[in-house]
N, C-alpha and C. Protein backbone atom coordinates (compact mmCIF):
# COMPACT_ATOMS: atom_id res chain seq x y z
N UNK A 1 -41.66 63.69 -3.61
CA UNK A 1 -41.28 62.43 -2.98
C UNK A 1 -39.78 62.41 -2.71
N UNK A 2 -39.39 61.54 -1.82
CA UNK A 2 -37.98 61.44 -1.47
C UNK A 2 -37.15 60.95 -2.64
N UNK A 3 -37.65 59.97 -3.36
CA UNK A 3 -36.87 59.44 -4.50
C UNK A 3 -36.67 60.52 -5.56
N UNK A 4 -37.67 61.38 -5.76
CA UNK A 4 -37.54 62.49 -6.70
C UNK A 4 -36.47 63.48 -6.26
N UNK A 5 -36.45 63.76 -4.97
CA UNK A 5 -35.43 64.67 -4.42
C UNK A 5 -34.04 64.06 -4.61
N UNK A 6 -33.90 62.79 -4.29
CA UNK A 6 -32.61 62.12 -4.44
C UNK A 6 -32.16 62.10 -5.89
N UNK A 7 -33.09 61.87 -6.79
CA UNK A 7 -32.76 61.87 -8.22
C UNK A 7 -32.26 63.25 -8.65
N UNK A 8 -32.94 64.30 -8.17
CA UNK A 8 -32.51 65.67 -8.49
C UNK A 8 -31.14 65.97 -7.92
N UNK A 9 -30.86 65.51 -6.71
CA UNK A 9 -29.55 65.73 -6.12
C UNK A 9 -28.46 65.08 -6.96
N UNK A 10 -28.71 63.85 -7.42
CA UNK A 10 -27.72 63.16 -8.26
C UNK A 10 -27.53 63.91 -9.57
N UNK A 11 -28.61 64.41 -10.13
CA UNK A 11 -28.52 65.17 -11.37
C UNK A 11 -27.70 66.45 -11.14
N UNK A 12 -27.98 67.14 -10.04
CA UNK A 12 -27.21 68.35 -9.72
C UNK A 12 -25.74 68.02 -9.52
N UNK A 13 -25.47 66.88 -8.87
CA UNK A 13 -24.08 66.47 -8.63
C UNK A 13 -23.37 66.22 -9.96
N UNK A 14 -24.03 65.52 -10.86
CA UNK A 14 -23.43 65.25 -12.17
C UNK A 14 -23.21 66.55 -12.94
N UNK A 15 -24.17 67.46 -12.84
CA UNK A 15 -24.05 68.73 -13.54
C UNK A 15 -22.87 69.53 -12.98
N UNK A 16 -22.72 69.57 -11.66
CA UNK A 16 -21.61 70.34 -11.09
C UNK A 16 -20.28 69.65 -11.40
N UNK A 17 -20.24 68.32 -11.41
CA UNK A 17 -19.02 67.61 -11.81
C UNK A 17 -18.63 67.96 -13.24
N UNK A 18 -19.62 67.99 -14.13
CA UNK A 18 -19.35 68.31 -15.54
C UNK A 18 -18.87 69.75 -15.68
N UNK A 19 -19.46 70.65 -14.90
CA UNK A 19 -19.07 72.06 -14.94
C UNK A 19 -17.64 72.25 -14.43
N UNK A 20 -17.30 71.54 -13.35
CA UNK A 20 -15.94 71.60 -12.80
C UNK A 20 -14.95 71.11 -13.85
N UNK A 21 -15.27 70.01 -14.52
CA UNK A 21 -14.39 69.46 -15.54
C UNK A 21 -14.19 70.45 -16.69
N UNK A 22 -15.28 71.10 -17.10
CA UNK A 22 -15.20 72.07 -18.19
C UNK A 22 -14.29 73.24 -17.81
N UNK A 23 -14.50 73.79 -16.61
CA UNK A 23 -13.67 74.91 -16.15
C UNK A 23 -12.22 74.47 -15.99
N UNK A 24 -12.04 73.27 -15.45
CA UNK A 24 -10.68 72.70 -15.28
C UNK A 24 -9.96 72.70 -16.62
N UNK A 25 -10.59 72.12 -17.63
CA UNK A 25 -9.96 71.98 -18.95
C UNK A 25 -9.70 73.33 -19.61
N UNK A 26 -10.50 74.33 -19.29
CA UNK A 26 -10.33 75.67 -19.89
C UNK A 26 -9.35 76.55 -19.13
N UNK A 27 -9.25 76.38 -17.82
CA UNK A 27 -8.50 77.37 -17.04
C UNK A 27 -7.16 76.88 -16.50
N UNK A 28 -6.91 75.59 -16.55
CA UNK A 28 -5.62 75.09 -16.06
C UNK A 28 -4.60 75.05 -17.20
N UNK A 29 -3.34 75.09 -16.82
CA UNK A 29 -2.27 74.98 -17.82
C UNK A 29 -2.38 73.63 -18.53
N UNK A 30 -2.08 73.60 -19.84
CA UNK A 30 -2.20 72.35 -20.60
C UNK A 30 -1.41 71.19 -19.99
N UNK A 31 -0.25 71.46 -19.40
CA UNK A 31 0.52 70.36 -18.82
C UNK A 31 -0.18 69.80 -17.58
N UNK A 32 -0.89 70.63 -16.83
CA UNK A 32 -1.65 70.14 -15.68
C UNK A 32 -2.83 69.30 -16.17
N UNK A 33 -3.55 69.81 -17.16
CA UNK A 33 -4.70 69.08 -17.72
C UNK A 33 -4.27 67.71 -18.26
N UNK A 34 -3.07 67.66 -18.84
CA UNK A 34 -2.58 66.41 -19.43
C UNK A 34 -2.31 65.34 -18.36
N UNK A 35 -2.02 65.77 -17.13
CA UNK A 35 -1.63 64.81 -16.10
C UNK A 35 -2.59 64.71 -14.93
N UNK A 36 -3.57 65.61 -14.84
CA UNK A 36 -4.48 65.62 -13.69
C UNK A 36 -5.89 65.96 -14.13
N UNK A 37 -6.86 65.23 -13.59
CA UNK A 37 -8.27 65.48 -13.91
C UNK A 37 -9.12 65.36 -12.65
N UNK A 38 -10.12 66.22 -12.51
CA UNK A 38 -11.03 66.11 -11.38
C UNK A 38 -11.77 64.77 -11.42
N UNK A 39 -11.93 64.15 -10.26
CA UNK A 39 -12.59 62.84 -10.18
C UNK A 39 -13.92 62.90 -9.46
N UNK A 40 -14.16 63.97 -8.72
CA UNK A 40 -15.42 64.08 -8.01
C UNK A 40 -15.36 65.17 -6.96
N UNK A 41 -16.53 65.57 -6.52
CA UNK A 41 -16.65 66.66 -5.57
C UNK A 41 -17.56 66.19 -4.45
N UNK A 42 -17.09 66.30 -3.21
CA UNK A 42 -17.90 65.88 -2.06
C UNK A 42 -17.62 66.79 -0.87
N UNK A 43 -18.67 67.38 -0.33
CA UNK A 43 -18.57 68.19 0.89
C UNK A 43 -17.46 69.23 0.84
N UNK A 44 -17.33 69.91 -0.28
CA UNK A 44 -16.35 70.98 -0.39
C UNK A 44 -14.96 70.55 -0.79
N UNK A 45 -14.75 69.24 -0.95
CA UNK A 45 -13.44 68.74 -1.37
C UNK A 45 -13.52 68.25 -2.81
N UNK A 46 -12.64 68.80 -3.64
CA UNK A 46 -12.53 68.33 -5.01
C UNK A 46 -11.41 67.29 -5.06
N UNK A 47 -11.75 66.08 -5.47
CA UNK A 47 -10.77 65.00 -5.60
C UNK A 47 -10.21 65.02 -7.00
N UNK A 48 -8.89 64.97 -7.09
CA UNK A 48 -8.21 65.08 -8.38
C UNK A 48 -7.28 63.90 -8.55
N UNK A 49 -7.46 63.17 -9.66
CA UNK A 49 -6.58 62.06 -9.99
C UNK A 49 -5.40 62.56 -10.81
N UNK A 50 -4.21 62.16 -10.40
CA UNK A 50 -2.98 62.55 -11.09
C UNK A 50 -2.34 61.26 -11.62
N UNK A 51 -1.78 61.32 -12.84
CA UNK A 51 -1.37 60.08 -13.48
C UNK A 51 -0.05 59.47 -12.99
N UNK A 52 0.79 60.23 -12.28
CA UNK A 52 2.01 59.63 -11.75
C UNK A 52 2.54 60.43 -10.57
N UNK A 53 3.45 59.82 -9.83
CA UNK A 53 3.92 60.44 -8.58
C UNK A 53 4.76 61.69 -8.82
N UNK A 54 5.46 61.76 -9.96
CA UNK A 54 6.24 62.96 -10.27
C UNK A 54 5.31 64.17 -10.40
N UNK A 55 4.25 64.00 -11.16
CA UNK A 55 3.30 65.10 -11.33
C UNK A 55 2.53 65.38 -10.06
N UNK A 56 2.24 64.35 -9.30
CA UNK A 56 1.57 64.55 -8.01
C UNK A 56 2.41 65.48 -7.14
N UNK A 57 3.70 65.21 -7.05
CA UNK A 57 4.61 66.06 -6.26
C UNK A 57 4.69 67.47 -6.81
N UNK A 58 4.80 67.61 -8.12
CA UNK A 58 4.88 68.92 -8.78
C UNK A 58 3.63 69.75 -8.48
N UNK A 59 2.47 69.14 -8.67
CA UNK A 59 1.21 69.86 -8.49
C UNK A 59 1.00 70.23 -7.03
N UNK A 60 1.20 69.27 -6.14
CA UNK A 60 0.97 69.54 -4.72
C UNK A 60 1.95 70.59 -4.21
N UNK A 61 3.20 70.48 -4.62
CA UNK A 61 4.23 71.38 -4.11
C UNK A 61 4.12 72.79 -4.68
N UNK A 62 3.92 72.89 -6.00
CA UNK A 62 4.04 74.19 -6.66
C UNK A 62 2.74 74.80 -7.18
N UNK A 63 1.72 73.99 -7.38
CA UNK A 63 0.55 74.52 -8.10
C UNK A 63 -0.76 74.43 -7.34
N UNK A 64 -0.75 73.81 -6.17
CA UNK A 64 -1.98 73.62 -5.41
C UNK A 64 -2.72 74.94 -5.18
N UNK A 65 -2.01 75.95 -4.70
CA UNK A 65 -2.65 77.24 -4.37
C UNK A 65 -3.25 77.89 -5.61
N UNK A 66 -2.50 77.89 -6.71
CA UNK A 66 -2.99 78.49 -7.95
C UNK A 66 -4.23 77.76 -8.46
N UNK A 67 -4.21 76.43 -8.42
CA UNK A 67 -5.35 75.63 -8.87
C UNK A 67 -6.57 75.94 -8.01
N UNK A 68 -6.39 75.95 -6.70
CA UNK A 68 -7.50 76.22 -5.79
C UNK A 68 -8.06 77.63 -6.03
N UNK A 69 -7.18 78.61 -6.21
CA UNK A 69 -7.65 79.98 -6.45
C UNK A 69 -8.46 80.09 -7.73
N UNK A 70 -8.01 79.44 -8.78
CA UNK A 70 -8.75 79.50 -10.05
C UNK A 70 -10.13 78.85 -9.93
N UNK A 71 -10.17 77.70 -9.25
CA UNK A 71 -11.46 77.01 -9.09
C UNK A 71 -12.39 77.80 -8.18
N UNK A 72 -11.85 78.38 -7.12
CA UNK A 72 -12.69 79.17 -6.21
C UNK A 72 -13.17 80.45 -6.89
N UNK A 73 -12.37 81.00 -7.78
CA UNK A 73 -12.79 82.17 -8.54
C UNK A 73 -14.02 81.83 -9.38
N UNK A 74 -14.05 80.62 -9.95
CA UNK A 74 -15.16 80.20 -10.81
C UNK A 74 -16.37 79.71 -10.02
N UNK A 75 -16.13 79.03 -8.90
CA UNK A 75 -17.23 78.34 -8.21
C UNK A 75 -17.51 78.84 -6.80
N UNK A 76 -16.61 79.63 -6.23
CA UNK A 76 -16.79 80.10 -4.87
C UNK A 76 -16.15 79.16 -3.86
N UNK A 77 -15.85 79.71 -2.69
CA UNK A 77 -15.16 78.94 -1.66
C UNK A 77 -16.07 77.93 -0.98
N UNK A 78 -17.38 78.12 -1.08
CA UNK A 78 -18.30 77.17 -0.46
C UNK A 78 -18.34 75.86 -1.22
N UNK A 79 -18.37 75.95 -2.55
CA UNK A 79 -18.44 74.72 -3.34
C UNK A 79 -17.11 73.98 -3.33
N UNK A 80 -16.01 74.70 -3.48
CA UNK A 80 -14.68 74.06 -3.49
C UNK A 80 -13.82 74.72 -2.41
N UNK A 81 -13.74 74.06 -1.27
CA UNK A 81 -12.97 74.59 -0.14
C UNK A 81 -11.57 73.97 -0.09
N UNK A 82 -11.45 72.73 -0.56
CA UNK A 82 -10.20 71.98 -0.44
C UNK A 82 -9.95 71.15 -1.70
N UNK A 83 -8.69 70.81 -1.91
CA UNK A 83 -8.31 69.90 -2.98
C UNK A 83 -7.67 68.67 -2.38
N UNK A 84 -7.97 67.52 -2.95
CA UNK A 84 -7.35 66.28 -2.51
C UNK A 84 -6.80 65.57 -3.75
N UNK A 85 -5.48 65.43 -3.79
CA UNK A 85 -4.83 64.82 -4.95
C UNK A 85 -4.45 63.37 -4.64
N UNK A 86 -4.60 62.51 -5.64
CA UNK A 86 -4.20 61.12 -5.47
C UNK A 86 -3.81 60.56 -6.83
N UNK A 87 -3.02 59.51 -6.79
CA UNK A 87 -2.64 58.85 -8.04
C UNK A 87 -3.79 57.96 -8.46
N UNK A 88 -4.19 58.10 -9.72
CA UNK A 88 -5.33 57.30 -10.17
C UNK A 88 -5.52 57.40 -11.66
């Protein structure tokens, strides 16, 4: 049924979100983990909440490529194609 399919999709989404969070916490530098956390994944874009504008600038300017490479190494470029950072 359609509702069963939708339920499974939501379950898969939650599972992949949890997996991203686990890899994030294990593979990112502790200072990045302390100030930034994944907030969700949609259509190849991983949304990341950063706790303040100073860290937002630091991460976007100096660490975006490294973060993306580590996540793509774990999940592939299809699942995580882009990063979107925001204060939250």
